[in-house]
Amino acid sequence: LSPADAHADVREVLARCDELRAET
């Protein structure tokens, strides 16, 4: 399953994880 085709909640969580990785 491509992340782009995943449920909106999955896309939201993975995007926030990327933001937090950069922030920390």
PDB file of all heavy atoms in Angstrom:
ATOM      1  N   LEU A   1       0.854  -1.181   0.000  1.00  0.00           N
ATOM      2  CA  LEU A   1       0.000   0.000   0.000  1.00  0.00           C
ATOM      3  C   LEU A   1       0.892   1.234   0.000  1.00  0.00           C
ATOM      4  O   LEU A   1       1.750   1.387   0.874  1.00  0.00           O
ATOM      5  CB  LEU A   1      -0.909   0.003   1.238  1.00  0.00           C
ATOM      6  CG  LEU A   1      -1.820   1.215   1.431  1.00  0.00           C
ATOM      7  CD1 LEU A   1      -2.868   1.289   0.321  1.00  0.00           C
ATOM      8  CD2 LEU A   1      -2.508   1.145   2.799  1.00  0.00           C
ATOM      9  N   SER A   2       0.687   2.093  -0.959  1.00  0.00           N
ATOM     10  CA  SER A   2       1.440   3.343  -0.997  1.00  0.00           C
ATOM     11  C   SER A   2       0.942   4.269   0.112  1.00  0.00           C
ATOM     12  O   SER A   2      -0.271   4.355   0.335  1.00  0.00           O
ATOM     13  CB  SER A   2       1.259   4.021  -2.346  1.00  0.00           C
ATOM     14  OG  SER A   2       1.719   5.365  -2.295  1.00  0.00           O
ATOM     15  N   PRO A   3       1.853   4.956   0.819  1.00  0.00           N
ATOM     16  CA  PRO A   3       1.399   5.908   1.844  1.00  0.00           C
ATOM     17  C   PRO A   3       0.418   6.928   1.268  1.00  0.00           C
ATOM     18  O   PRO A   3      -0.515   7.352   1.965  1.00  0.00           O
ATOM     19  CB  PRO A   3       2.706   6.573   2.291  1.00  0.00           C
ATOM     20  CG  PRO A   3       3.752   5.537   2.041  1.00  0.00           C
ATOM     21  CD  PRO A   3       3.310   4.838   0.788  1.00  0.00           C
ATOM     22  N   ALA A   4       0.593   7.301   0.014  1.00  0.00           N
ATOM     23  CA  ALA A   4      -0.308   8.278  -0.601  1.00  0.00           C
ATOM     24  C   ALA A   4      -1.723   7.737  -0.764  1.00  0.00           C
ATOM     25  O   ALA A   4      -2.686   8.514  -0.838  1.00  0.00           O
ATOM     26  CB  ALA A   4       0.240   8.709  -1.956  1.00  0.00           C
ATOM     27  N   ASP A   5      -1.851   6.403  -0.815  1.00  0.00           N
ATOM     28  CA  ASP A   5      -3.162   5.777  -0.982  1.00  0.00           C
ATOM     29  C   ASP A   5      -3.738   5.281   0.335  1.00  0.00           C
ATOM     30  O   ASP A   5      -4.844   4.721   0.354  1.00  0.00           O
ATOM     31  CB  ASP A   5      -3.066   4.602  -1.956  1.00  0.00           C
ATOM     32  CG  ASP A   5      -2.684   5.051  -3.358  1.00  0.00           C
ATOM     33  OD1 ASP A   5      -3.064   6.172  -3.731  1.00  0.00           O
ATOM     34  OD2 ASP A   5      -1.977   4.284  -4.051  1.00  0.00           O
ATOM     35  N   ALA A   6      -3.017   5.466   1.411  1.00  0.00           N
ATOM     36  CA  ALA A   6      -3.473   4.992   2.717  1.00  0.00           C
ATOM     37  C   ALA A   6      -4.586   5.883   3.258  1.00  0.00           C
ATOM     38  O   ALA A   6      -4.858   6.973   2.735  1.00  0.00           O
ATOM     39  CB  ALA A   6      -2.311   4.956   3.695  1.00  0.00           C
ATOM     40  N   HIS A   7      -5.222   5.417   4.329  1.00  0.00           N
ATOM     41  CA  HIS A   7      -6.281   6.180   4.986  1.00  0.00           C
ATOM     42  C   HIS A   7      -5.747   7.551   5.378  1.00  0.00           C
ATOM     43  O   HIS A   7      -4.559   7.723   5.688  1.00  0.00           O
ATOM     44  CB  HIS A   7      -6.750   5.414   6.225  1.00  0.00           C
ATOM     45  CG  HIS A   7      -7.997   5.949   6.849  1.00  0.00           C
ATOM     46  ND1 HIS A   7      -8.000   7.059   7.661  1.00  0.00           N
ATOM     47  CD2 HIS A   7      -9.287   5.517   6.785  1.00  0.00           C
ATOM     48  CE1 HIS A   7      -9.239   7.302   8.066  1.00  0.00           C
ATOM     49  NE2 HIS A   7     -10.037   6.375   7.551  1.00  0.00           N
ATOM     50  N   ALA A   8      -6.605   8.546   5.384  1.00  0.00           N
ATOM     51  CA  ALA A   8      -6.196   9.915   5.725  1.00  0.00           C
ATOM     52  C   ALA A   8      -5.533   9.978   7.102  1.00  0.00           C
ATOM     53  O   ALA A   8      -4.603  10.772   7.314  1.00  0.00           O
ATOM     54  CB  ALA A   8      -7.401  10.845   5.677  1.00  0.00           C
ATOM     55  N   ASP A   9      -5.992   9.149   8.042  1.00  0.00           N
ATOM     56  CA  ASP A   9      -5.384   9.149   9.381  1.00  0.00           C
ATOM     57  C   ASP A   9      -3.947   8.646   9.327  1.00  0.00           C
ATOM     58  O   ASP A   9      -3.077   9.141  10.048  1.00  0.00           O
ATOM     59  CB  ASP A   9      -6.205   8.283  10.340  1.00  0.00           C
ATOM     60  CG  ASP A   9      -7.539   8.929  10.702  1.00  0.00           C
ATOM     61  OD1 ASP A   9      -7.658  10.156  10.559  1.00  0.00           O
ATOM     62  OD2 ASP A   9      -8.453   8.196  11.134  1.00  0.00           O
ATOM     63  N   VAL A  10      -3.686   7.656   8.494  1.00  0.00           N
ATOM     64  CA  VAL A  10      -2.326   7.134   8.351  1.00  0.00           C
ATOM     65  C   VAL A  10      -1.428   8.208   7.749  1.00  0.00           C
ATOM     66  O   VAL A  10      -0.303   8.432   8.210  1.00  0.00           O
ATOM     67  CB  VAL A  10      -2.315   5.857   7.481  1.00  0.00           C
ATOM     68  CG1 VAL A  10      -0.881   5.401   7.220  1.00  0.00           C
ATOM     69  CG2 VAL A  10      -3.120   4.757   8.161  1.00  0.00           C
ATOM     70  N   ARG A  11      -1.918   8.890   6.737  1.00  0.00           N
ATOM     71  CA  ARG A  11      -1.132   9.957   6.124  1.00  0.00           C
ATOM     72  C   ARG A  11      -0.851  11.067   7.133  1.00  0.00           C
ATOM     73  O   ARG A  11       0.269  11.600   7.195  1.00  0.00           O
ATOM     74  CB  ARG A  11      -1.860  10.520   4.898  1.00  0.00           C
ATOM     75  CG  ARG A  11      -2.102   9.487   3.796  1.00  0.00           C
ATOM     76  CD  ARG A  11      -2.418  10.157   2.473  1.00  0.00           C
ATOM     77  NE  ARG A  11      -3.577  11.053   2.547  1.00  0.00           N
ATOM     78  CZ  ARG A  11      -4.832  10.679   2.347  1.00  0.00           C
ATOM     79  NH1 ARG A  11      -5.110   9.399   2.066  1.00  0.00           N
ATOM     80  NH2 ARG A  11      -5.818  11.549   2.409  1.00  0.00           N
ATOM     81  N   GLU A  12      -1.842  11.411   7.929  1.00  0.00           N
ATOM     82  CA  GLU A  12      -1.667  12.462   8.938  1.00  0.00           C
ATOM     83  C   GLU A  12      -0.612  12.074   9.964  1.00  0.00           C
ATOM     84  O   GLU A  12       0.271  12.874  10.305  1.00  0.00           O
ATOM     85  CB  GLU A  12      -2.996  12.743   9.640  1.00  0.00           C
ATOM     86  CG  GLU A  12      -2.902  13.766  10.766  1.00  0.00           C
ATOM     87  CD  GLU A  12      -4.212  13.954  11.511  1.00  0.00           C
ATOM     88  OE1 GLU A  12      -5.287  13.745  10.904  1.00  0.00           O
ATOM     89  OE2 GLU A  12      -4.161  14.304  12.707  1.00  0.00           O
ATOM     90  N   VAL A  13      -0.697  10.850  10.470  1.00  0.00           N
ATOM     91  CA  VAL A  13       0.240  10.401  11.500  1.00  0.00           C
ATOM     92  C   VAL A  13       1.665  10.348  10.948  1.00  0.00           C
ATOM     93  O   VAL A  13       2.615  10.814  11.602  1.00  0.00           O
ATOM     94  CB  VAL A  13      -0.189   9.029  12.057  1.00  0.00           C
ATOM     95  CG1 VAL A  13       0.951   8.367  12.833  1.00  0.00           C
ATOM     96  CG2 VAL A  13      -1.410   9.188  12.956  1.00  0.00           C
ATOM     97  N   LEU A  14       1.847   9.776   9.759  1.00  0.00           N
ATOM     98  CA  LEU A  14       3.190   9.675   9.199  1.00  0.00           C
ATOM     99  C   LEU A  14       3.777  11.062   8.914  1.00  0.00           C
ATOM    100  O   LEU A  14       4.978  11.294   9.121  1.00  0.00           O
ATOM    101  CB  LEU A  14       3.167   8.832   7.926  1.00  0.00           C
ATOM    102  CG  LEU A  14       2.851   7.344   8.130  1.00  0.00           C
ATOM    103  CD1 LEU A  14       2.800   6.619   6.787  1.00  0.00           C
ATOM    104  CD2 LEU A  14       3.865   6.682   9.051  1.00  0.00           C
ATOM    105  N   ALA A  15       2.932  11.985   8.471  1.00  0.00           N
ATOM    106  CA  ALA A  15       3.413  13.351   8.223  1.00  0.00           C
ATOM    107  C   ALA A  15       3.825  14.017   9.526  1.00  0.00           C
ATOM    108  O   ALA A  15       4.858  14.705   9.583  1.00  0.00           O
ATOM    109  CB  ALA A  15       2.325  14.162   7.526  1.00  0.00           C
ATOM    110  N   ARG A  16       3.050  13.822  10.574  1.00  0.00           N
ATOM    111  CA  ARG A  16       3.410  14.410  11.870  1.00  0.00           C
ATOM    112  C   ARG A  16       4.671  13.771  12.427  1.00  0.00           C
ATOM    113  O   ARG A  16       5.505  14.462  13.043  1.00  0.00           O
ATOM    114  CB  ARG A  16       2.245  14.241  12.856  1.00  0.00           C
ATOM    115  CG  ARG A  16       2.478  14.883  14.231  1.00  0.00           C
ATOM    116  CD  ARG A  16       2.707  16.357  14.127  1.00  0.00           C
ATOM    117  NE  ARG A  16       2.889  16.963  15.435  1.00  0.00           N
ATOM    118  CZ  ARG A  16       3.741  17.958  15.680  1.00  0.00           C
ATOM    119  NH1 ARG A  16       4.462  18.467  14.698  1.00  0.00           N
ATOM    120  NH2 ARG A  16       3.858  18.462  16.887  1.00  0.00           N
ATOM    121  N   CYS A  17       4.864  12.487  12.206  1.00  0.00           N
ATOM    122  CA  CYS A  17       6.105  11.833  12.636  1.00  0.00           C
ATOM    123  C   CYS A  17       7.313  12.455  11.945  1.00  0.00           C
ATOM    124  O   CYS A  17       8.359  12.664  12.573  1.00  0.00           O
ATOM    125  CB  CYS A  17       6.038  10.330  12.345  1.00  0.00           C
ATOM    126  SG  CYS A  17       4.958   9.394  13.441  1.00  0.00           S
ATOM    127  N   ASP A  18       7.174  12.751  10.667  1.00  0.00           N
ATOM    128  CA  ASP A  18       8.273  13.399   9.940  1.00  0.00           C
ATOM    129  C   ASP A  18       8.562  14.785  10.507  1.00  0.00           C
ATOM    130  O   ASP A  18       9.727  15.182  10.657  1.00  0.00           O
ATOM    131  CB  ASP A  18       7.934  13.502   8.457  1.00  0.00           C
ATOM    132  CG  ASP A  18       7.983  12.156   7.741  1.00  0.00           C
ATOM    133  OD1 ASP A  18       8.610  11.223   8.274  1.00  0.00           O
ATOM    134  OD2 ASP A  18       7.383  12.053   6.653  1.00  0.00           O
ATOM    135  N   GLU A  19       7.508  15.529  10.831  1.00  0.00           N
ATOM    136  CA  GLU A  19       7.695  16.859  11.425  1.00  0.00           C
ATOM    137  C   GLU A  19       8.418  16.770  12.758  1.00  0.00           C
ATOM    138  O   GLU A  19       9.338  17.550  13.039  1.00  0.00           O
ATOM    139  CB  GLU A  19       6.346  17.543  11.622  1.00  0.00           C
ATOM    140  CG  GLU A  19       5.619  17.908  10.344  1.00  0.00           C
ATOM    141  CD  GLU A  19       4.223  18.435  10.598  1.00  0.00           C
ATOM    142  OE1 GLU A  19       3.757  18.396  11.760  1.00  0.00           O
ATOM    143  OE2 GLU A  19       3.588  18.884   9.631  1.00  0.00           O
ATOM    144  N   LEU A  20       8.016  15.817  13.581  1.00  0.00           N
ATOM    145  CA  LEU A  20       8.619  15.677  14.908  1.00  0.00           C
ATOM    146  C   LEU A  20      10.054  15.173  14.827  1.00  0.00           C
ATOM    147  O   LEU A  20      10.892  15.540  15.651  1.00  0.00           O
ATOM    148  CB  LEU A  20       7.766  14.741  15.770  1.00  0.00           C
ATOM    149  CG  LEU A  20       6.462  15.365  16.265  1.00  0.00           C
ATOM    150  CD1 LEU A  20       5.494  14.288  16.725  1.00  0.00           C
ATOM    151  CD2 LEU A  20       6.733  16.354  17.404  1.00  0.00           C
ATOM    152  N   ARG A  21      10.344  14.349  13.828  1.00  0.00           N
ATOM    153  CA  ARG A  21      11.724  13.898  13.646  1.00  0.00           C
ATOM    154  C   ARG A  21      12.631  15.090  13.380  1.00  0.00           C
ATOM    155  O   ARG A  21      13.727  15.201  13.957  1.00  0.00           O
ATOM    156  CB  ARG A  21      11.815  12.899  12.496  1.00  0.00           C
ATOM    157  CG  ARG A  21      13.215  12.339  12.284  1.00  0.00           C
ATOM    158  CD  ARG A  21      13.264  11.386  11.097  1.00  0.00           C
ATOM    159  NE  ARG A  21      14.580  10.773  10.967  1.00  0.00           N
ATOM    160  CZ  ARG A  21      15.621  11.364  10.376  1.00  0.00           C
ATOM    161  NH1 ARG A  21      15.488  12.581   9.865  1.00  0.00           N
ATOM    162  NH2 ARG A  21      16.782  10.744  10.304  1.00  0.00           N
ATOM    163  N   ALA A  22      12.181  16.007  12.527  1.00  0.00           N
ATOM    164  CA  ALA A  22      12.974  17.201  12.241  1.00  0.00           C
ATOM    165  C   ALA A  22      13.052  18.118  13.453  1.00  0.00           C
ATOM    166  O   ALA A  22      14.120  18.656  13.777  1.00  0.00           O
ATOM    167  CB  ALA A  22      12.365  17.950  11.052  1.00  0.00           C
ATOM    168  N   GLU A  23      11.935  18.273  14.146  1.00  0.00           N
ATOM    169  CA  GLU A  23      11.876  19.171  15.298  1.00  0.00           C
ATOM    170  C   GLU A  23      12.769  18.700  16.438  1.00  0.00           C
ATOM    171  O   GLU A  23      13.337  19.524  17.166  1.00  0.00           O
ATOM    172  CB  GLU A  23      10.429  19.282  15.766  1.00  0.00           C
ATOM    173  CG  GLU A  23      10.194  20.313  16.845  1.00  0.00           C
ATOM    174  CD  GLU A  23       8.731  20.425  17.219  1.00  0.00           C
ATOM    175  OE1 GLU A  23       7.869  19.897  16.472  1.00  0.00           O
ATOM    176  OE2 GLU A  23       8.441  21.043  18.256  1.00  0.00           O
ATOM    177  N   THR A  24      12.903  17.387  16.604  1.00  0.00           N
ATOM    178  CA  THR A  24      13.702  16.829  17.704  1.00  0.00           C
ATOM    179  C   THR A  24      15.111  16.436  17.263  1.00  0.00           C
ATOM    180  O   THR A  24      15.821  15.758  18.007  1.00  0.00           O
ATOM    181  CB  THR A  24      13.007  15.596  18.299  1.00  0.00           C
ATOM    182  OG1 THR A  24      12.915  14.574  17.292  1.00  0.00           O
ATOM    183  CG2 THR A  24      11.616  15.931  18.817  1.00  0.00           C
TER     184      THR A  24
END
